[in-house]
Amino acid sequence: MLINKDKLAPRIFWITIFSISMGFAEAAVVVYLRRIYYPEGFSFPLKPLDHMIGVEVFRELATIFMLLSIAMLSGRKLWERFAYFMYCFGVWDIFYYIWLKVLIDWPVSIFDWDILFLIPLPWIGPVIAPVFISILMIVAGILIIYLFHRGYDFRPSLTSHMLALAGTAFLLFSFMHDTGASLHEQMPAPYKYVFLVIAGLLYSFAFIVSYLKTVKHG
């Protein structure tokens, strides 16, 4: 096991600053959109974005590529880069909501509903859902980054892959099980919190299995 001599703290610091700043930029765009489409205040059912939908889809893709770019520059190996991506994504997403709260005092509650993503279909759910997943991403990302810094080679097991895939299926279903209602400007069905909890447990188990295996075998 070879310890990585690179200084980790400055890198994490500047990646965090980037993610927080990016969260502000994302929140600012949403403030403008809501001022245009929801001057009376954001609420469901959603209003059609018309010709702006294409712009929004590519803006979201650009956001993902920006996060990926930072991750690619920060890590050396595949899973180290993925860990940086998870950390960046989690910080960005949480501060996106923090900045919205600062700028327009929204959400009023962490249980307020939001449109989370548009690809391939609209993701709909309460604010607590993406924040919960972002916290898991930050914790897992930091721990994996630290493993690589200490010289460990983190490689998820087949079991972890299967658990993570199952968790992703539950999570996506919780967000997209009633996207038809949103697309047709109707109120979506109540959010299925049980699927969020199941997804969180599966992701946690997937990480723990591979983390312990990595530490045990060095």
C-alpha atoms as a PDB file:
ATOM      1  CA  MET A   1       0.000   0.000   0.000  1.00  0.00           C
ATOM      2  CA  LEU A   2       1.573   3.276  -1.154  1.00  0.00           C
ATOM      3  CA  ILE A   3       0.400   6.504   0.454  1.00  0.00           C
ATOM      4  CA  ASN A   4      -0.433   9.304  -1.999  1.00  0.00           C
ATOM      5  CA  LYS A   5       1.787  12.245  -1.026  1.00  0.00           C
ATOM      6  CA  ASP A   6      -0.317  14.816  -2.850  1.00  0.00           C
ATOM      7  CA  LYS A   7      -1.962  17.350  -0.548  1.00  0.00           C
ATOM      8  CA  LEU A   8      -5.605  16.391  -0.352  1.00  0.00           C
ATOM      9  CA  ALA A   9      -7.040  19.269   1.708  1.00  0.00           C
ATOM     10  CA  PRO A  10      -6.369  22.095  -0.821  1.00  0.00           C
ATOM     11  CA  ARG A  11      -7.853  20.042  -3.641  1.00  0.00           C
ATOM     12  CA  ILE A  12     -11.005  19.281  -1.649  1.00  0.00           C
ATOM     13  CA  PHE A  13     -11.222  22.941  -0.632  1.00  0.00           C
ATOM     14  CA  TRP A  14     -11.165  24.277  -4.186  1.00  0.00           C
ATOM     15  CA  ILE A  15     -13.471  21.563  -5.499  1.00  0.00           C
ATOM     16  CA  THR A  16     -15.907  22.513  -2.747  1.00  0.00           C
ATOM     17  CA  ILE A  17     -15.667  26.198  -3.681  1.00  0.00           C
ATOM     18  CA  PHE A  18     -16.321  25.298  -7.320  1.00  0.00           C
ATOM     19  CA  SER A  19     -19.366  23.180  -6.411  1.00  0.00           C
ATOM     20  CA  ILE A  20     -20.833  25.852  -4.119  1.00  0.00           C
ATOM     21  CA  SER A  21     -20.324  28.514  -6.790  1.00  0.00           C
ATOM     22  CA  MET A  22     -21.861  26.278  -9.420  1.00  0.00           C
ATOM     23  CA  GLY A  23     -24.839  25.762  -7.124  1.00  0.00           C
ATOM     24  CA  PHE A  24     -25.345  29.526  -7.033  1.00  0.00           C
ATOM     25  CA  ALA A  25     -25.192  29.777 -10.837  1.00  0.00           C
ATOM     26  CA  GLU A  26     -27.777  26.990 -11.144  1.00  0.00           C
ATOM     27  CA  ALA A  27     -30.028  28.607  -8.558  1.00  0.00           C
ATOM     28  CA  ALA A  28     -29.789  31.976 -10.311  1.00  0.00           C
ATOM     29  CA  VAL A  29     -31.014  30.458 -13.572  1.00  0.00           C
ATOM     30  CA  VAL A  30     -33.962  28.878 -11.775  1.00  0.00           C
ATOM     31  CA  VAL A  31     -34.791  32.208 -10.124  1.00  0.00           C
ATOM     32  CA  TYR A  32     -35.021  33.795 -13.572  1.00  0.00           C
ATOM     33  CA  LEU A  33     -37.126  30.942 -14.958  1.00  0.00           C
ATOM     34  CA  ARG A  34     -39.552  31.077 -12.056  1.00  0.00           C
ATOM     35  CA  ARG A  35     -39.874  34.842 -12.379  1.00  0.00           C
ATOM     36  CA  ILE A  36     -40.912  34.281 -16.012  1.00  0.00           C
ATOM     37  CA  TYR A  37     -43.095  31.166 -15.730  1.00  0.00           C
ATOM     38  CA  TYR A  38     -44.304  31.385 -12.126  1.00  0.00           C
ATOM     39  CA  PRO A  39     -44.571  35.104 -11.241  1.00  0.00           C
ATOM     40  CA  GLU A  40     -47.198  34.220  -8.623  1.00  0.00           C
ATOM     41  CA  GLY A  41     -44.900  31.642  -7.010  1.00  0.00           C
ATOM     42  CA  PHE A  42     -43.701  28.169  -7.980  1.00  0.00           C
ATOM     43  CA  SER A  43     -46.234  25.376  -7.532  1.00  0.00           C
ATOM     44  CA  PHE A  44     -47.580  22.221  -9.123  1.00  0.00           C
ATOM     45  CA  PRO A  45     -48.998  21.352 -11.611  1.00  0.00           C
ATOM     46  CA  LEU A  46     -46.116  22.370 -13.817  1.00  0.00           C
ATOM     47  CA  LYS A  47     -46.511  24.848 -16.647  1.00  0.00           C
ATOM     48  CA  PRO A  48     -45.204  23.937 -20.131  1.00  0.00           C
ATOM     49  CA  LEU A  49     -41.743  25.294 -20.981  1.00  0.00           C
ATOM     50  CA  ASP A  50     -42.569  25.310 -24.697  1.00  0.00           C
ATOM     51  CA  HIS A  51     -39.447  26.035 -26.783  1.00  0.00           C
ATOM     52  CA  MET A  52     -37.347  26.427 -23.610  1.00  0.00           C
ATOM     53  CA  ILE A  53     -37.453  22.713 -22.866  1.00  0.00           C
ATOM     54  CA  GLY A  54     -34.591  22.019 -25.286  1.00  0.00           C
ATOM     55  CA  VAL A  55     -32.474  24.737 -23.718  1.00  0.00           C
ATOM     56  CA  GLU A  56     -33.135  23.313 -20.244  1.00  0.00           C
ATOM     57  CA  VAL A  57     -32.209  19.768 -21.286  1.00  0.00           C
ATOM     58  CA  PHE A  58     -28.878  20.915 -22.728  1.00  0.00           C
ATOM     59  CA  ARG A  59     -28.248  23.123 -19.691  1.00  0.00           C
ATOM     60  CA  GLU A  60     -28.630  20.060 -17.485  1.00  0.00           C
ATOM     61  CA  LEU A  61     -26.299  18.059 -19.726  1.00  0.00           C
ATOM     62  CA  ALA A  62     -23.767  20.898 -19.564  1.00  0.00           C
ATOM     63  CA  THR A  63     -23.976  20.843 -15.772  1.00  0.00           C
ATOM     64  CA  ILE A  64     -23.210  17.109 -15.669  1.00  0.00           C
ATOM     65  CA  PHE A  65     -20.256  17.551 -18.053  1.00  0.00           C
ATOM     66  CA  MET A  66     -18.875  20.366 -15.913  1.00  0.00           C
ATOM     67  CA  LEU A  67     -18.979  18.136 -12.839  1.00  0.00           C
ATOM     68  CA  LEU A  68     -17.427  15.269 -14.799  1.00  0.00           C
ATOM     69  CA  SER A  69     -14.647  17.555 -16.028  1.00  0.00           C
ATOM     70  CA  ILE A  70     -13.662  18.496 -12.488  1.00  0.00           C
ATOM     71  CA  ALA A  71     -13.742  14.838 -11.470  1.00  0.00           C
ATOM     72  CA  MET A  72     -11.569  13.792 -14.416  1.00  0.00           C
ATOM     73  CA  LEU A  73      -8.980  16.440 -13.547  1.00  0.00           C
ATOM     74  CA  SER A  74      -9.004  15.599  -9.834  1.00  0.00           C
ATOM     75  CA  GLY A  75      -8.560  11.815  -9.829  1.00  0.00           C
ATOM     76  CA  ARG A  76      -6.208   9.355 -11.483  1.00  0.00           C
ATOM     77  CA  LYS A  77      -8.204   6.130 -11.508  1.00  0.00           C
ATOM     78  CA  LEU A  78     -11.784   5.418 -12.566  1.00  0.00           C
ATOM     79  CA  TRP A  79     -13.300   5.000  -9.119  1.00  0.00           C
ATOM     80  CA  GLU A  80     -11.291   7.866  -7.666  1.00  0.00           C
ATOM     81  CA  ARG A  81     -12.707  10.114 -10.372  1.00  0.00           C
ATOM     82  CA  PHE A  82     -16.189   8.772  -9.725  1.00  0.00           C
ATOM     83  CA  ALA A  83     -15.727   9.574  -6.023  1.00  0.00           C
ATOM     84  CA  TYR A  84     -14.831  13.174  -6.872  1.00  0.00           C
ATOM     85  CA  PHE A  85     -17.870  13.336  -9.135  1.00  0.00           C
ATOM     86  CA  MET A  86     -20.135  12.124  -6.326  1.00  0.00           C
ATOM     87  CA  TYR A  87     -18.657  14.643  -3.913  1.00  0.00           C
ATOM     88  CA  CYS A  88     -18.991  17.544  -6.395  1.00  0.00           C
ATOM     89  CA  PHE A  89     -22.528  16.547  -7.332  1.00  0.00           C
ATOM     90  CA  GLY A  90     -23.634  16.265  -3.721  1.00  0.00           C
ATOM     91  CA  VAL A  91     -22.196  19.636  -2.661  1.00  0.00           C
ATOM     92  CA  TRP A  92     -23.540  21.349  -5.771  1.00  0.00           C
ATOM     93  CA  ASP A  93     -27.050  19.927  -5.327  1.00  0.00           C
ATOM     94  CA  ILE A  94     -27.334  20.786  -1.637  1.00  0.00           C
ATOM     95  CA  PHE A  95     -26.051  24.326  -2.126  1.00  0.00           C
ATOM     96  CA  TYR A  96     -28.401  24.753  -5.073  1.00  0.00           C
ATOM     97  CA  TYR A  97     -31.278  24.518  -2.586  1.00  0.00           C
ATOM     98  CA  ILE A  98     -29.450  26.598   0.013  1.00  0.00           C
ATOM     99  CA  TRP A  99     -28.992  29.395  -2.514  1.00  0.00           C
ATOM    100  CA  LEU A 100     -32.655  29.177  -3.589  1.00  0.00           C
ATOM    101  CA  LYS A 101     -33.619  29.566   0.054  1.00  0.00           C
ATOM    102  CA  VAL A 102     -31.347  32.609   0.365  1.00  0.00           C
ATOM    103  CA  LEU A 103     -32.477  34.219  -2.907  1.00  0.00           C
ATOM    104  CA  ILE A 104     -36.244  33.596  -2.936  1.00  0.00           C
ATOM    105  CA  ASP A 105     -36.971  31.921   0.415  1.00  0.00           C
ATOM    106  CA  TRP A 106     -37.801  28.607  -1.276  1.00  0.00           C
ATOM    107  CA  PRO A 107     -38.331  25.816  -0.392  1.00  0.00           C
ATOM    108  CA  VAL A 108     -40.535  26.690   2.539  1.00  0.00           C
ATOM    109  CA  SER A 109     -40.176  23.086   3.704  1.00  0.00           C
ATOM    110  CA  ILE A 110     -37.861  20.223   2.729  1.00  0.00           C
ATOM    111  CA  PHE A 111     -41.044  18.399   1.778  1.00  0.00           C
ATOM    112  CA  ASP A 112     -41.924  20.941  -0.931  1.00  0.00           C
ATOM    113  CA  TRP A 113     -42.039  19.377  -4.379  1.00  0.00           C
ATOM    114  CA  ASP A 114     -39.619  20.250  -7.139  1.00  0.00           C
ATOM    115  CA  ILE A 115     -38.797  19.203 -10.677  1.00  0.00           C
ATOM    116  CA  LEU A 116     -35.388  17.631 -10.185  1.00  0.00           C
ATOM    117  CA  PHE A 117     -34.223  16.643 -13.654  1.00  0.00           C
ATOM    118  CA  LEU A 118     -35.567  16.392 -17.195  1.00  0.00           C
ATOM    119  CA  ILE A 119     -33.545  13.538 -18.723  1.00  0.00           C
ATOM    120  CA  PRO A 120     -34.920  11.237 -20.087  1.00  0.00           C
ATOM    121  CA  LEU A 121     -38.245  12.182 -18.451  1.00  0.00           C
ATOM    122  CA  PRO A 122     -39.077  14.722 -15.740  1.00  0.00           C
ATOM    123  CA  TRP A 123     -37.971  13.661 -12.245  1.00  0.00           C
ATOM    124  CA  ILE A 124     -40.496  14.862  -9.674  1.00  0.00           C
ATOM    125  CA  GLY A 125     -40.145  14.658  -5.908  1.00  0.00           C
ATOM    126  CA  PRO A 126     -39.812  16.505  -2.592  1.00  0.00           C
ATOM    127  CA  VAL A 127     -36.641  18.459  -1.877  1.00  0.00           C
ATOM    128  CA  ILE A 128     -35.688  16.053   0.909  1.00  0.00           C
ATOM    129  CA  ALA A 129     -35.170  13.259  -1.645  1.00  0.00           C
ATOM    130  CA  PRO A 130     -32.276  14.765  -3.662  1.00  0.00           C
ATOM    131  CA  VAL A 131     -30.772  16.248  -0.479  1.00  0.00           C
ATOM    132  CA  PHE A 132     -30.793  12.810   1.176  1.00  0.00           C
ATOM    133  CA  ILE A 133     -29.118  11.195  -1.836  1.00  0.00           C
ATOM    134  CA  SER A 134     -26.615  14.064  -2.055  1.00  0.00           C
ATOM    135  CA  ILE A 135     -25.584  13.515   1.562  1.00  0.00           C
ATOM    136  CA  LEU A 136     -24.959   9.838   0.810  1.00  0.00           C
ATOM    137  CA  MET A 137     -22.903  10.838  -2.237  1.00  0.00           C
ATOM    138  CA  ILE A 138     -20.784  13.284  -0.246  1.00  0.00           C
ATOM    139  CA  VAL A 139     -20.056  10.775   2.517  1.00  0.00           C
ATOM    140  CA  ALA A 140     -19.240   7.936   0.102  1.00  0.00           C
ATOM    141  CA  GLY A 141     -17.208  10.235  -2.137  1.00  0.00           C
ATOM    142  CA  ILE A 142     -15.054  11.581   0.687  1.00  0.00           C
ATOM    143  CA  LEU A 143     -14.403   8.108   2.124  1.00  0.00           C
ATOM    144  CA  ILE A 144     -13.405   6.695  -1.282  1.00  0.00           C
ATOM    145  CA  ILE A 145     -11.181   9.703  -1.998  1.00  0.00           C
ATOM    146  CA  TYR A 146      -9.470   9.194   1.343  1.00  0.00           C
ATOM    147  CA  LEU A 147      -8.955   5.493   0.584  1.00  0.00           C
ATOM    148  CA  PHE A 148      -7.127   6.366  -2.629  1.00  0.00           C
ATOM    149  CA  HIS A 149      -5.145   9.052  -0.813  1.00  0.00           C
ATOM    150  CA  ARG A 150      -4.005   6.404   1.680  1.00  0.00           C
ATOM    151  CA  GLY A 151      -2.918   4.124  -1.169  1.00  0.00           C
ATOM    152  CA  TYR A 152      -5.876   1.733  -1.289  1.00  0.00           C
ATOM    153  CA  ASP A 153      -7.350   0.724  -4.638  1.00  0.00           C
ATOM    154  CA  PHE A 154     -11.126   0.904  -4.226  1.00  0.00           C
ATOM    155  CA  ARG A 155     -12.914  -1.475  -6.578  1.00  0.00           C
ATOM    156  CA  PRO A 156     -16.608  -2.253  -6.037  1.00  0.00           C
ATOM    157  CA  SER A 157     -17.485  -5.942  -5.943  1.00  0.00           C
ATOM    158  CA  LEU A 158     -20.092  -7.574  -8.160  1.00  0.00           C
ATOM    159  CA  THR A 159     -22.418  -7.642  -5.166  1.00  0.00           C
ATOM    160  CA  SER A 160     -22.002  -3.898  -4.734  1.00  0.00           C
ATOM    161  CA  HIS A 161     -22.747  -3.306  -8.406  1.00  0.00           C
ATOM    162  CA  MET A 162     -25.951  -5.324  -8.173  1.00  0.00           C
ATOM    163  CA  LEU A 163     -27.065  -3.556  -4.988  1.00  0.00           C
ATOM    164  CA  ALA A 164     -26.336  -0.133  -6.492  1.00  0.00           C
ATOM    165  CA  LEU A 165     -28.236  -0.958  -9.681  1.00  0.00           C
ATOM    166  CA  ALA A 166     -31.216  -2.104  -7.652  1.00  0.00           C
ATOM    167  CA  GLY A 167     -31.044   1.078  -5.584  1.00  0.00           C
ATOM    168  CA  THR A 168     -30.964   3.185  -8.743  1.00  0.00           C
ATOM    169  CA  ALA A 169     -34.042   1.388 -10.086  1.00  0.00           C
ATOM    170  CA  PHE A 170     -35.991   2.106  -6.896  1.00  0.00           C
ATOM    171  CA  LEU A 171     -34.822   5.725  -6.849  1.00  0.00           C
ATOM    172  CA  LEU A 172     -35.708   6.401 -10.482  1.00  0.00           C
ATOM    173  CA  PHE A 173     -39.104   4.788 -10.027  1.00  0.00           C
ATOM    174  CA  SER A 174     -39.794   7.028  -7.049  1.00  0.00           C
ATOM    175  CA  PHE A 175     -39.079  10.109  -9.197  1.00  0.00           C
ATOM    176  CA  MET A 176     -40.610   9.049 -12.516  1.00  0.00           C
ATOM    177  CA  HIS A 177     -43.525   6.744 -11.682  1.00  0.00           C
ATOM    178  CA  ASP A 178     -46.031   9.512 -12.481  1.00  0.00           C
ATOM    179  CA  THR A 179     -44.217  11.778 -14.928  1.00  0.00           C
ATOM    180  CA  GLY A 180     -47.189  11.506 -17.282  1.00  0.00           C
ATOM    181  CA  ALA A 181     -49.194  13.713 -14.972  1.00  0.00           C
ATOM    182  CA  SER A 182     -46.462  16.359 -14.970  1.00  0.00           C
ATOM    183  CA  LEU A 183     -46.145  16.251 -18.741  1.00  0.00           C
ATOM    184  CA  HIS A 184     -49.900  16.822 -19.038  1.00  0.00           C
ATOM    185  CA  GLU A 185     -49.936  19.666 -16.499  1.00  0.00           C
ATOM    186  CA  GLN A 186     -51.629  17.612 -13.789  1.00  0.00           C
ATOM    187  CA  MET A 187     -50.816  17.055 -10.131  1.00  0.00           C
ATOM    188  CA  PRO A 188     -48.489  14.040  -9.742  1.00  0.00           C
ATOM    189  CA  ALA A 189     -49.322  11.152  -7.440  1.00  0.00           C
ATOM    190  CA  PRO A 190     -47.980  11.259  -3.860  1.00  0.00           C
ATOM    191  CA  TYR A 191     -44.268  10.587  -3.589  1.00  0.00           C
ATOM    192  CA  LYS A 192     -43.309   7.040  -2.616  1.00  0.00           C
ATOM    193  CA  TYR A 193     -40.941   7.634   0.298  1.00  0.00           C
ATOM    194  CA  VAL A 194     -40.570   3.906   0.894  1.00  0.00           C
ATOM    195  CA  PHE A 195     -38.689   3.582  -2.397  1.00  0.00           C
ATOM    196  CA  LEU A 196     -36.341   6.416  -1.391  1.00  0.00           C
ATOM    197  CA  VAL A 197     -35.570   4.612   1.871  1.00  0.00           C
ATOM    198  CA  ILE A 198     -35.006   1.311   0.070  1.00  0.00           C
ATOM    199  CA  ALA A 199     -32.699   3.015  -2.440  1.00  0.00           C
ATOM    200  CA  GLY A 200     -30.730   4.638   0.377  1.00  0.00           C
ATOM    201  CA  LEU A 201     -30.300   1.317   2.175  1.00  0.00           C
ATOM    202  CA  LEU A 202     -29.203  -0.473  -0.996  1.00  0.00           C
ATOM    203  CA  TYR A 203     -26.687   2.253  -1.823  1.00  0.00           C
ATOM    204  CA  SER A 204     -25.360   2.138   1.742  1.00  0.00           C
ATOM    205  CA  PHE A 205     -24.993  -1.635   1.712  1.00  0.00           C
ATOM    206  CA  ALA A 206     -23.301  -1.501  -1.691  1.00  0.00           C
ATOM    207  CA  PHE A 207     -20.755   0.999  -0.417  1.00  0.00           C
ATOM    208  CA  ILE A 208     -20.118  -0.732   2.911  1.00  0.00           C
ATOM    209  CA  VAL A 209     -19.501  -4.109   1.249  1.00  0.00           C
ATOM    210  CA  SER A 210     -16.828  -2.695  -1.070  1.00  0.00           C
ATOM    211  CA  TYR A 211     -15.348  -0.343   1.525  1.00  0.00           C
ATOM    212  CA  LEU A 212     -14.766  -3.151   4.040  1.00  0.00           C
ATOM    213  CA  LYS A 213     -13.420  -5.429   1.321  1.00  0.00           C
ATOM    214  CA  THR A 214     -10.958  -2.731   0.203  1.00  0.00           C
ATOM    215  CA  VAL A 215      -9.716  -2.037   3.739  1.00  0.00           C
ATOM    216  CA  LYS A 216      -9.443  -5.730   4.569  1.00  0.00           C
ATOM    217  CA  HIS A 217      -7.413  -6.684   1.511  1.00  0.00           C
ATOM    218  CA  GLY A 218      -5.429  -3.452   1.252  1.00  0.00           C
END
